[in-house]
Amino acid sequence: MSENIILEKSYKFALRIVKLYQYLTEEKREYVMSKALLTVGTGIGVHVKASQEAESKTDFYHEMNAALKDASKTEFWLQILHDSDFLDDKQFTSIHADCEELIRLSKSITKPTRRPPSN
């Protein structure tokens, strides 16, 4: 993988989400919330990767904002899973910190282009 920090971090985060999904379904027998978490948690990296192949600034903006939205949704599901005792404090704190970092990175990338450029 290249020297693209958000691409690398979102990929590694997606791997953590896959492993967390396996844990939640196999150990905790939780299927509904964990599936939603899997979808949005891996979606962050999907959108970041797609942004690298954007055909325009508008396309890049769209993909990075979609990554930000998925990161925000991921944070929501992590909080729900923690508050409903499917994740203990240690599990939650570790993965939540990574999620917050992806949110910060996504915001810093999209901030200069909060409104899509016209091209």
C-alpha atoms as a PDB file:
ATOM      1  CA  MET A   1       0.000   0.000   0.000  1.00  0.00           C
ATOM      2  CA  SER A   2       1.137   3.549  -0.676  1.00  0.00           C
ATOM      3  CA  GLU A   3       2.183   6.266   1.746  1.00  0.00           C
ATOM      4  CA  ASN A   4      -1.401   7.468   2.067  1.00  0.00           C
ATOM      5  CA  ILE A   5      -2.141   7.658   5.786  1.00  0.00           C
ATOM      6  CA  ILE A   6      -5.940   7.654   5.633  1.00  0.00           C
ATOM      7  CA  LEU A   7      -5.946   4.838   3.099  1.00  0.00           C
ATOM      8  CA  GLU A   8      -3.643   2.735   5.269  1.00  0.00           C
ATOM      9  CA  LYS A   9      -5.502   3.504   8.503  1.00  0.00           C
ATOM     10  CA  SER A  10      -8.936   2.880   6.992  1.00  0.00           C
ATOM     11  CA  TYR A  11      -7.751  -0.471   5.590  1.00  0.00           C
ATOM     12  CA  LYS A  12      -6.322  -1.573   8.953  1.00  0.00           C
ATOM     13  CA  PHE A  13      -9.487  -0.362  10.664  1.00  0.00           C
ATOM     14  CA  ALA A  14     -11.603  -2.426   8.246  1.00  0.00           C
ATOM     15  CA  LEU A  15      -9.595  -5.504   9.205  1.00  0.00           C
ATOM     16  CA  ARG A  16     -10.255  -4.780  12.887  1.00  0.00           C
ATOM     17  CA  ILE A  17     -13.957  -4.408  12.149  1.00  0.00           C
ATOM     18  CA  VAL A  18     -14.011  -7.778  10.351  1.00  0.00           C
ATOM     19  CA  LYS A  19     -12.356  -9.414  13.362  1.00  0.00           C
ATOM     20  CA  LEU A  20     -14.760  -7.671  15.725  1.00  0.00           C
ATOM     21  CA  TYR A  21     -17.682  -8.894  13.607  1.00  0.00           C
ATOM     22  CA  GLN A  22     -16.365 -12.456  13.867  1.00  0.00           C
ATOM     23  CA  TYR A  23     -16.046 -12.095  17.631  1.00  0.00           C
ATOM     24  CA  LEU A  24     -19.526 -10.616  18.035  1.00  0.00           C
ATOM     25  CA  THR A  25     -21.215 -13.297  15.945  1.00  0.00           C
ATOM     26  CA  GLU A  26     -19.241 -16.289  17.187  1.00  0.00           C
ATOM     27  CA  GLU A  27     -18.725 -15.418  20.857  1.00  0.00           C
ATOM     28  CA  LYS A  28     -21.570 -13.057  21.702  1.00  0.00           C
ATOM     29  CA  ARG A  29     -24.148 -14.417  19.241  1.00  0.00           C
ATOM     30  CA  GLU A  30     -25.031 -10.865  18.185  1.00  0.00           C
ATOM     31  CA  TYR A  31     -25.979 -10.650  14.507  1.00  0.00           C
ATOM     32  CA  VAL A  32     -28.004  -7.530  13.742  1.00  0.00           C
ATOM     33  CA  MET A  33     -25.923  -4.676  15.160  1.00  0.00           C
ATOM     34  CA  SER A  34     -22.669  -6.408  14.261  1.00  0.00           C
ATOM     35  CA  LYS A  35     -23.765  -6.686  10.616  1.00  0.00           C
ATOM     36  CA  ALA A  36     -24.557  -2.957  10.541  1.00  0.00           C
ATOM     37  CA  LEU A  37     -21.143  -2.271  12.102  1.00  0.00           C
ATOM     38  CA  LEU A  38     -19.441  -4.494   9.506  1.00  0.00           C
ATOM     39  CA  THR A  39     -21.130  -2.629   6.656  1.00  0.00           C
ATOM     40  CA  VAL A  40     -20.266   0.907   7.742  1.00  0.00           C
ATOM     41  CA  GLY A  41     -16.940   0.061   9.386  1.00  0.00           C
ATOM     42  CA  THR A  42     -15.528  -1.462   6.211  1.00  0.00           C
ATOM     43  CA  GLY A  43     -17.319   1.154   4.099  1.00  0.00           C
ATOM     44  CA  ILE A  44     -14.944   3.826   5.368  1.00  0.00           C
ATOM     45  CA  GLY A  45     -12.027   2.207   3.579  1.00  0.00           C
ATOM     46  CA  VAL A  46     -14.111   1.467   0.491  1.00  0.00           C
ATOM     47  CA  HIS A  47     -14.932   5.159   0.079  1.00  0.00           C
ATOM     48  CA  VAL A  48     -11.390   6.301   0.837  1.00  0.00           C
ATOM     49  CA  LYS A  49     -10.060   3.877  -1.777  1.00  0.00           C
ATOM     50  CA  ALA A  50     -12.665   5.058  -4.305  1.00  0.00           C
ATOM     51  CA  SER A  51     -11.686   8.687  -3.634  1.00  0.00           C
ATOM     52  CA  GLN A  52      -8.167   7.864  -4.823  1.00  0.00           C
ATOM     53  CA  GLU A  53      -9.581   7.026  -8.243  1.00  0.00           C
ATOM     54  CA  ALA A  54     -11.906  10.039  -8.412  1.00  0.00           C
ATOM     55  CA  GLU A  55     -12.503  11.494 -11.850  1.00  0.00           C
ATOM     56  CA  SER A  56     -13.127  15.002 -10.547  1.00  0.00           C
ATOM     57  CA  LYS A  57     -12.910  17.136  -7.431  1.00  0.00           C
ATOM     58  CA  THR A  58     -16.644  16.667  -6.977  1.00  0.00           C
ATOM     59  CA  ASP A  59     -16.250  12.883  -7.122  1.00  0.00           C
ATOM     60  CA  PHE A  60     -13.382  13.049  -4.602  1.00  0.00           C
ATOM     61  CA  TYR A  61     -15.490  15.250  -2.308  1.00  0.00           C
ATOM     62  CA  HIS A  62     -18.419  12.844  -2.551  1.00  0.00           C
ATOM     63  CA  GLU A  63     -16.335   9.769  -1.693  1.00  0.00           C
ATOM     64  CA  MET A  64     -14.499  11.412   1.218  1.00  0.00           C
ATOM     65  CA  ASN A  65     -17.758  12.711   2.664  1.00  0.00           C
ATOM     66  CA  ALA A  66     -19.239   9.223   2.348  1.00  0.00           C
ATOM     67  CA  ALA A  67     -16.194   7.913   4.270  1.00  0.00           C
ATOM     68  CA  LEU A  68     -16.798  10.529   6.965  1.00  0.00           C
ATOM     69  CA  LYS A  69     -20.468   9.565   7.210  1.00  0.00           C
ATOM     70  CA  ASP A  70     -19.591   5.876   7.508  1.00  0.00           C
ATOM     71  CA  ALA A  71     -17.035   6.688  10.209  1.00  0.00           C
ATOM     72  CA  SER A  72     -19.691   8.609  12.133  1.00  0.00           C
ATOM     73  CA  LYS A  73     -22.154   5.713  11.777  1.00  0.00           C
ATOM     74  CA  THR A  74     -19.447   3.302  12.899  1.00  0.00           C
ATOM     75  CA  GLU A  75     -18.883   5.387  16.010  1.00  0.00           C
ATOM     76  CA  PHE A  76     -22.620   5.174  16.737  1.00  0.00           C
ATOM     77  CA  TRP A  77     -22.704   1.368  16.451  1.00  0.00           C
ATOM     78  CA  LEU A  78     -19.585   0.993  18.565  1.00  0.00           C
ATOM     79  CA  GLN A  79     -21.177   3.114  21.285  1.00  0.00           C
ATOM     80  CA  ILE A  80     -24.416   1.090  21.155  1.00  0.00           C
ATOM     81  CA  LEU A  81     -22.518  -2.205  21.330  1.00  0.00           C
ATOM     82  CA  HIS A  82     -20.534  -0.901  24.298  1.00  0.00           C
ATOM     83  CA  ASP A  83     -23.522   0.509  26.155  1.00  0.00           C
ATOM     84  CA  SER A  84     -25.464  -2.725  25.644  1.00  0.00           C
ATOM     85  CA  ASP A  85     -22.535  -4.723  27.090  1.00  0.00           C
ATOM     86  CA  PHE A  86     -21.489  -6.537  23.918  1.00  0.00           C
ATOM     87  CA  LEU A  87     -18.114  -4.742  24.124  1.00  0.00           C
ATOM     88  CA  ASP A  88     -16.260  -4.235  27.380  1.00  0.00           C
ATOM     89  CA  ASP A  89     -14.481  -0.985  28.198  1.00  0.00           C
ATOM     90  CA  LYS A  90     -11.083  -2.174  26.974  1.00  0.00           C
ATOM     91  CA  GLN A  91     -12.414  -3.446  23.622  1.00  0.00           C
ATOM     92  CA  PHE A  92     -14.435  -0.300  23.081  1.00  0.00           C
ATOM     93  CA  THR A  93     -11.718   2.173  24.043  1.00  0.00           C
ATOM     94  CA  SER A  94      -9.188   0.675  21.667  1.00  0.00           C
ATOM     95  CA  ILE A  95     -11.322   0.527  18.527  1.00  0.00           C
ATOM     96  CA  HIS A  96     -13.206   3.741  19.311  1.00  0.00           C
ATOM     97  CA  ALA A  97      -9.928   5.663  19.428  1.00  0.00           C
ATOM     98  CA  ASP A  98      -9.118   4.427  15.916  1.00  0.00           C
ATOM     99  CA  CYS A  99     -12.583   5.404  14.730  1.00  0.00           C
ATOM    100  CA  GLU A 100     -12.217   8.902  16.187  1.00  0.00           C
ATOM    101  CA  GLU A 101      -8.889   9.256  14.395  1.00  0.00           C
ATOM    102  CA  LEU A 102     -10.509   8.353  11.070  1.00  0.00           C
ATOM    103  CA  ILE A 103     -13.237  10.917  11.735  1.00  0.00           C
ATOM    104  CA  ARG A 104     -10.628  13.601  12.444  1.00  0.00           C
ATOM    105  CA  LEU A 105      -8.617  12.712   9.330  1.00  0.00           C
ATOM    106  CA  SER A 106     -11.738  12.679   7.143  1.00  0.00           C
ATOM    107  CA  LYS A 107     -12.871  16.030   8.505  1.00  0.00           C
ATOM    108  CA  SER A 108      -9.464  17.577   7.898  1.00  0.00           C
ATOM    109  CA  ILE A 109      -9.523  16.363   4.296  1.00  0.00           C
ATOM    110  CA  THR A 110     -13.080  17.465   3.557  1.00  0.00           C
ATOM    111  CA  LYS A 111     -13.001  20.719   5.525  1.00  0.00           C
ATOM    112  CA  PRO A 112     -11.395  22.788   2.745  1.00  0.00           C
ATOM    113  CA  THR A 113     -14.062  21.497   0.372  1.00  0.00           C
ATOM    114  CA  ARG A 114     -17.189  21.460   2.526  1.00  0.00           C
ATOM    115  CA  ARG A 115     -19.157  22.571  -0.500  1.00  0.00           C
ATOM    116  CA  PRO A 116     -18.482  20.609  -3.660  1.00  0.00           C
ATOM    117  CA  PRO A 117     -16.611  22.593  -6.286  1.00  0.00           C
ATOM    118  CA  SER A 118     -18.365  23.150  -9.554  1.00  0.00           C
ATOM    119  CA  ASN A 119     -16.501  21.554 -12.413  1.00  0.00           C
END
